[in-house]
N, C-alpha and C. Protein backbone atom coordinates (compact mmCIF):
# COMPACT_ATOMS: atom_id res chain seq x y z
N MET A 1 46.51 252.71 -21.13
CA MET A 1 46.55 253.34 -22.63
C MET A 1 44.89 252.60 -23.42
N THR A 2 44.94 251.23 -23.37
CA THR A 2 44.33 250.75 -24.12
C THR A 2 42.94 250.72 -23.23
N ASP A 3 42.44 251.39 -22.61
CA ASP A 3 41.52 251.84 -21.75
C ASP A 3 40.98 253.59 -22.60
N PHE A 4 42.04 254.17 -22.34
CA PHE A 4 41.72 255.93 -23.42
C PHE A 4 41.34 255.29 -24.96
N ILE A 5 42.13 254.50 -25.57
CA ILE A 5 41.52 254.16 -26.41
C ILE A 5 39.97 253.37 -26.51
N GLU A 6 39.50 252.79 -25.62
CA GLU A 6 38.13 252.22 -25.70
C GLU A 6 37.45 253.28 -25.35
N GLN A 7 37.70 254.28 -25.02
CA GLN A 7 37.00 254.98 -24.23
C GLN A 7 36.62 255.94 -25.66
N ILE A 8 37.16 256.40 -26.41
CA ILE A 8 37.48 257.30 -27.28
C ILE A 8 35.86 257.24 -28.47
N PRO A 9 35.36 256.09 -28.78
CA PRO A 9 34.39 255.78 -29.50
C PRO A 9 33.07 256.40 -28.66
N LYS A 10 33.16 256.20 -27.49
CA LYS A 10 31.97 256.88 -26.54
C LYS A 10 31.72 258.77 -26.32
N LEU A 11 32.88 259.41 -26.82
CA LEU A 11 33.06 260.14 -27.19
C LEU A 11 32.15 260.92 -28.20
N ILE A 12 32.03 260.22 -28.86
CA ILE A 12 31.04 260.83 -30.31
C ILE A 12 29.80 261.48 -30.09
N GLY A 13 29.86 262.95 -30.22
CA GLY A 13 28.59 263.86 -30.37
C GLY A 13 28.58 264.63 -29.12
N LYS A 14 29.69 264.32 -28.17
CA LYS A 14 30.32 264.96 -27.20
C LYS A 14 30.39 266.65 -27.42
N THR A 15 30.29 267.76 -26.91
CA THR A 15 30.44 268.96 -27.07
C THR A 15 31.16 269.47 -26.26
N ALA A 16 32.03 270.24 -26.63
CA ALA A 16 33.07 271.42 -25.48
C ALA A 16 33.26 272.63 -26.59
N GLU A 17 33.52 273.05 -24.97
CA GLU A 17 34.08 275.47 -25.59
C GLU A 17 35.46 274.83 -25.55
N ILE A 18 36.45 275.27 -26.68
CA ILE A 18 37.60 274.83 -27.01
C ILE A 18 38.51 275.86 -27.78
N GLU A 19 38.77 276.86 -27.28
CA GLU A 19 39.22 278.20 -27.57
C GLU A 19 38.25 279.14 -28.24
N GLY A 20 37.44 279.29 -27.59
CA GLY A 20 36.10 280.43 -28.10
C GLY A 20 35.53 279.22 -29.09
N ARG A 21 35.76 278.50 -29.29
CA ARG A 21 34.82 277.32 -30.45
C ARG A 21 34.44 276.16 -29.84
N ARG A 22 33.12 276.29 -29.88
CA ARG A 22 32.24 274.96 -29.53
C ARG A 22 32.09 273.59 -30.67
N LEU A 23 32.82 272.68 -30.12
CA LEU A 23 33.16 271.37 -31.25
C LEU A 23 32.91 270.68 -30.64
N THR A 24 32.31 269.33 -31.42
CA THR A 24 31.58 268.47 -31.48
C THR A 24 32.28 267.32 -31.80
N ILE A 25 32.52 266.09 -31.69
CA ILE A 25 32.83 265.25 -32.22
C ILE A 25 32.27 264.59 -32.74
N VAL A 26 32.54 264.12 -34.01
CA VAL A 26 31.65 263.24 -35.32
C VAL A 26 32.03 262.21 -35.51
N GLU A 27 32.99 262.10 -35.48
CA GLU A 27 33.68 260.64 -35.96
C GLU A 27 34.81 260.35 -35.15
N VAL A 28 35.00 258.73 -34.74
CA VAL A 28 36.05 258.69 -34.42
C VAL A 28 36.98 257.60 -35.31
N LEU A 29 38.65 257.86 -36.05
CA LEU A 29 39.07 256.40 -36.83
C LEU A 29 39.90 255.74 -36.41
N LEU A 30 39.56 254.68 -35.76
CA LEU A 30 40.03 253.85 -34.47
C LEU A 30 41.67 253.77 -35.52
N ASP A 31 41.44 253.02 -36.76
CA ASP A 31 42.29 252.09 -37.60
C ASP A 31 43.63 253.53 -37.59
N GLU A 32 43.25 254.58 -37.82
CA GLU A 32 44.25 255.62 -37.88
C GLU A 32 44.39 256.25 -36.40
N GLN A 33 43.65 255.92 -35.58
CA GLN A 33 43.90 256.83 -34.38
C GLN A 33 43.75 258.36 -34.21
N GLN A 34 42.83 258.74 -34.80
CA GLN A 34 42.21 259.83 -35.01
C GLN A 34 40.77 260.35 -34.67
N VAL A 35 40.43 261.88 -34.59
CA VAL A 35 39.28 261.98 -34.30
C VAL A 35 38.81 263.45 -34.95
N ILE A 36 37.71 263.07 -35.72
CA ILE A 36 37.16 264.34 -36.32
C ILE A 36 36.55 265.17 -35.64
N LEU A 37 36.64 266.26 -35.40
CA LEU A 37 35.65 267.45 -34.76
C LEU A 37 34.88 268.54 -35.97
N GLU A 38 33.92 268.72 -34.98
CA GLU A 38 33.37 270.00 -36.35
C GLU A 38 32.82 271.10 -35.43
N ASP A 39 33.04 272.06 -36.00
CA ASP A 39 32.98 273.64 -35.19
C ASP A 39 31.42 273.93 -35.80
N THR A 40 30.12 273.78 -34.58
CA THR A 40 28.91 273.53 -34.58
C THR A 40 28.67 274.89 -35.20
N ALA A 41 29.60 276.21 -35.15
CA ALA A 41 28.72 277.34 -35.62
C ALA A 41 29.64 278.07 -36.79
N ASP A 42 30.65 277.66 -36.91
CA ASP A 42 31.49 278.31 -38.72
C ASP A 42 31.23 277.43 -39.69
N GLN A 43 30.12 277.70 -40.08
CA GLN A 43 29.84 277.47 -41.64
C GLN A 43 30.89 277.86 -42.46
N SER A 44 32.52 278.39 -42.47
CA SER A 44 33.43 278.72 -43.40
C SER A 44 33.63 278.12 -44.67
N ASP A 45 33.62 277.34 -44.33
CA ASP A 45 34.34 275.79 -45.30
C ASP A 45 33.12 275.82 -46.48
N LEU A 46 33.87 275.69 -47.83
CA LEU A 46 33.34 275.56 -49.00
C LEU A 46 33.21 274.04 -49.49
N GLN A 47 32.26 273.41 -50.11
CA GLN A 47 32.26 272.43 -50.08
C GLN A 47 32.12 271.99 -51.77
N GLU A 48 32.61 270.93 -52.36
CA GLU A 48 32.84 270.93 -54.09
C GLU A 48 32.23 270.09 -54.03
N ASN A 49 31.54 270.25 -55.57
CA ASN A 49 30.72 268.94 -56.51
C ASN A 49 31.68 267.96 -56.63
N GLN A 50 31.54 266.90 -57.50
CA GLN A 50 32.12 266.03 -58.36
C GLN A 50 33.26 266.85 -59.61
N TYR A 51 32.79 267.75 -59.60
CA TYR A 51 32.97 268.81 -61.24
C TYR A 51 33.82 269.60 -60.04
N GLY A 52 34.10 269.91 -59.18
CA GLY A 52 34.74 271.18 -58.78
C GLY A 52 34.36 272.04 -58.52
N ASP A 53 32.64 272.32 -58.78
CA ASP A 53 31.98 273.70 -58.44
C ASP A 53 31.92 273.95 -56.85
N ILE A 54 31.65 274.87 -56.66
CA ILE A 54 31.03 275.20 -55.07
C ILE A 54 29.86 274.62 -54.91
N HIS A 55 29.63 273.89 -53.73
CA HIS A 55 28.36 273.22 -54.12
C HIS A 55 27.26 274.12 -52.56
N ARG A 56 28.22 273.65 -51.46
CA ARG A 56 27.89 274.86 -50.09
C ARG A 56 28.51 274.77 -49.19
N ARG A 57 28.17 275.25 -48.07
CA ARG A 57 28.93 276.00 -47.51
C ARG A 57 28.53 274.95 -46.23
N VAL A 58 29.85 274.57 -45.49
CA VAL A 58 29.65 273.47 -44.46
C VAL A 58 30.71 273.24 -42.88
N ASN A 59 30.13 272.82 -41.80
CA ASN A 59 30.68 273.22 -40.50
C ASN A 59 32.46 273.24 -40.88
N ARG A 60 33.14 273.57 -40.31
CA ARG A 60 34.71 273.48 -40.29
C ARG A 60 35.07 272.67 -39.29
N THR A 61 35.70 271.20 -40.10
CA THR A 61 36.60 270.19 -39.46
C THR A 61 37.78 270.48 -39.18
N TRP A 62 38.15 269.61 -38.08
CA TRP A 62 39.72 268.78 -37.57
C TRP A 62 39.76 267.60 -37.38
N VAL A 63 41.03 267.30 -37.54
CA VAL A 63 41.40 265.93 -37.69
C VAL A 63 42.08 265.80 -36.76
N ILE A 64 42.53 265.39 -35.73
CA ILE A 64 43.52 265.24 -34.30
C ILE A 64 43.75 263.74 -34.07
N PRO A 65 45.00 263.63 -33.97
CA PRO A 65 45.39 262.38 -33.34
C PRO A 65 44.53 261.80 -31.97
N PHE A 66 44.86 261.00 -31.83
CA PHE A 66 44.22 260.44 -29.93
C PHE A 66 45.44 260.86 -28.59
N PHE A 67 46.79 261.04 -29.62
CA PHE A 67 47.77 261.20 -28.93
C PHE A 67 48.91 262.34 -28.80
N SER A 68 49.06 263.45 -27.90
CA SER A 68 49.82 264.30 -28.42
C SER A 68 51.09 263.98 -28.68
N GLU A 69 51.37 265.23 -29.57
CA GLU A 69 52.94 265.38 -30.76
C GLU A 69 53.75 265.47 -29.93
N LEU A 70 53.47 266.56 -28.83
CA LEU A 70 54.20 266.88 -28.11
C LEU A 70 55.44 265.71 -27.07
N GLU A 71 54.45 265.22 -26.30
CA GLU A 71 54.16 264.44 -25.45
C GLU A 71 53.91 262.61 -25.21
N PRO A 72 54.75 262.18 -26.29
CA PRO A 72 54.36 260.88 -26.86
C PRO A 72 53.48 260.05 -25.48
N GLY A 73 52.58 259.13 -25.62
CA GLY A 73 51.43 258.39 -25.16
C GLY A 73 50.69 258.84 -23.71
N ARG A 74 50.51 260.49 -24.05
CA ARG A 74 49.61 261.17 -23.23
C ARG A 74 47.97 261.66 -24.17
N PRO A 75 47.45 261.87 -23.83
CA PRO A 75 45.94 262.18 -24.44
C PRO A 75 46.36 263.26 -25.01
N HIS A 76 45.53 263.79 -26.60
CA HIS A 76 45.97 264.72 -27.11
C HIS A 76 44.90 266.22 -26.24
N PRO A 77 45.52 267.05 -25.74
CA PRO A 77 44.61 268.41 -24.73
C PRO A 77 43.29 268.37 -24.80
N VAL A 78 43.19 268.50 -26.54
CA VAL A 78 41.43 268.54 -26.89
C VAL A 78 40.79 267.75 -26.30
N LEU A 79 41.39 266.26 -26.66
CA LEU A 79 40.57 264.73 -25.94
C LEU A 79 40.27 265.03 -24.67
N GLU A 80 41.41 265.53 -24.28
CA GLU A 80 41.10 265.63 -22.78
C GLU A 80 39.90 266.61 -22.19
N ALA A 81 39.62 267.76 -22.98
CA ALA A 81 38.77 268.53 -22.57
C ALA A 81 37.43 268.01 -22.82
N PHE A 82 37.23 266.88 -23.71
CA PHE A 82 35.74 266.38 -23.95
C PHE A 82 35.86 265.52 -23.05
N GLN A 83 37.02 264.69 -22.34
CA GLN A 83 36.67 263.40 -21.21
C GLN A 83 36.69 264.17 -20.08
N ASP A 84 36.73 265.35 -19.70
CA ASP A 84 36.43 266.26 -18.14
C ASP A 84 34.79 266.27 -18.41
N LYS A 85 34.23 266.28 -19.59
CA LYS A 85 32.67 266.70 -19.54
C LYS A 85 31.36 265.34 -18.58
């Protein structure tokens, strides 16, 4: 399991096709054991400035855990798809 955790930061920048979306790993949060994914084509999220005004459109992102919530100890299925690349 430790080997798996050590390999995750090496996946930053990798892209995979998952459920019809082209996702890229943009950040790894080791302390929280989470990965941030970005949809390279979907700019449907709106970013606000510090005053709450809509500033611009940004790529949609997701935060997923390192490990499956349904099968503890098993890597998250989405991360497994990136490892196969």
